[in-house]
Amino acid sequence: MIDVLYFAWVRERIGLPKERVETSAATVAELVEDLKAREERYAVAFADLSALRVALDQELAEFDAPLAGVREVAFFPPMTGG
């Protein structure tokens, strides 16, 4: 089980701040595909991955990063401003 956290407009589109997800995904990208297949709201939230950042256990990561041993995945828009 992995805790998946959603921030800002990702949270608004999905309608949840966090959830526990059981997945066999090996990478963040595979997890995203699993989520997108669930419901339309996930597909909408993850439609443009270039508009998203991801953190694994509170460390910035890439979408091809492995999920082995990860307890928490967070999705959020890029931070802007100073």
Protein backbone atom coordinates (compact mmCIF):
# COMPACT_ATOMS: atom_id res chain seq x y z
CA MET A 1 0.00 0.00 0.00
CA ILE A 2 1.20 3.49 -0.86
CA ASP A 3 -0.15 6.78 0.46
CA VAL A 4 -0.89 9.06 -2.49
CA LEU A 5 -1.21 12.78 -1.74
CA TYR A 6 -2.72 15.41 -4.04
CA PHE A 7 -2.07 19.15 -3.75
CA ALA A 8 -3.53 22.36 -5.25
CA TRP A 9 -5.55 21.88 -8.45
CA VAL A 10 -4.71 18.16 -8.54
CA ARG A 11 -6.62 17.79 -5.26
CA GLU A 12 -9.49 19.88 -6.64
CA ARG A 13 -9.82 17.76 -9.78
CA ILE A 14 -9.63 14.42 -7.98
CA GLY A 15 -11.66 15.57 -4.98
CA LEU A 16 -9.40 13.99 -2.35
CA PRO A 17 -6.39 15.26 -0.40
CA LYS A 18 -4.95 11.73 -0.05
CA GLU A 19 -5.75 8.07 -0.36
CA ARG A 20 -4.14 4.68 0.19
CA VAL A 21 -3.56 2.85 -3.06
CA GLU A 22 -2.75 -0.80 -3.58
CA THR A 23 -0.71 -1.08 -6.75
CA SER A 24 1.66 -3.37 -8.55
CA ALA A 25 3.14 -0.40 -10.43
CA ALA A 26 6.94 -0.44 -10.61
CA THR A 27 7.36 3.27 -11.42
CA VAL A 28 5.56 6.54 -10.82
CA ALA A 29 4.47 6.58 -14.48
CA GLU A 30 2.84 3.14 -14.08
CA LEU A 31 1.07 4.34 -10.94
CA VAL A 32 -0.26 7.33 -12.90
CA GLU A 33 -1.57 4.98 -15.60
CA ASP A 34 -3.30 2.86 -12.94
CA LEU A 35 -4.91 5.97 -11.45
CA LYS A 36 -5.97 7.34 -14.85
CA ALA A 37 -7.73 4.05 -15.60
CA ARG A 38 -9.85 4.33 -12.42
CA GLU A 39 -12.18 7.21 -13.25
CA GLU A 40 -12.48 10.22 -15.52
CA ARG A 41 -11.49 12.65 -12.73
CA TYR A 42 -8.07 10.97 -12.47
CA ALA A 43 -7.64 11.00 -16.25
CA VAL A 44 -8.37 14.74 -16.23
CA ALA A 45 -5.98 15.44 -13.34
CA PHE A 46 -3.13 13.50 -14.96
CA ALA A 47 -3.81 14.50 -18.59
CA ASP A 48 -0.67 16.66 -18.85
CA LEU A 49 2.24 15.30 -16.82
CA SER A 50 4.42 18.24 -17.86
CA ALA A 51 2.16 20.34 -15.60
CA LEU A 52 2.91 18.12 -12.59
CA ARG A 53 5.74 17.36 -10.22
CA VAL A 54 6.08 14.30 -8.04
CA ALA A 55 7.78 13.62 -4.72
CA LEU A 56 8.56 10.19 -3.30
CA ASP A 57 8.78 10.14 0.50
CA GLN A 58 9.07 13.95 0.36
CA GLU A 59 11.97 13.96 -2.12
CA LEU A 60 11.47 15.38 -5.62
CA ALA A 61 11.56 12.63 -8.23
CA GLU A 62 10.91 11.96 -11.91
CA PHE A 63 7.99 10.02 -13.34
CA ASP A 64 10.28 7.15 -14.32
CA ALA A 65 11.45 6.73 -10.69
CA PRO A 66 10.96 3.28 -9.15
CA LEU A 67 8.37 2.82 -6.41
CA ALA A 68 10.18 -0.01 -4.60
CA GLY A 69 10.22 0.76 -0.88
CA VAL A 70 8.32 4.05 -1.29
CA ARG A 71 5.67 4.79 1.33
CA GLU A 72 4.33 8.11 0.04
CA VAL A 73 3.82 9.63 -3.41
CA ALA A 74 2.77 13.28 -3.71
CA PHE A 75 1.55 15.01 -6.87
CA PHE A 76 1.55 18.80 -7.15
CA PRO A 77 1.92 21.59 -9.70
CA PRO A 78 5.35 23.19 -10.15
CA MET A 79 6.13 25.81 -7.53
CA THR A 80 6.32 29.32 -8.89
CA GLY A 81 7.35 32.66 -7.51
CA GLY A 82 9.98 33.66 -5.01
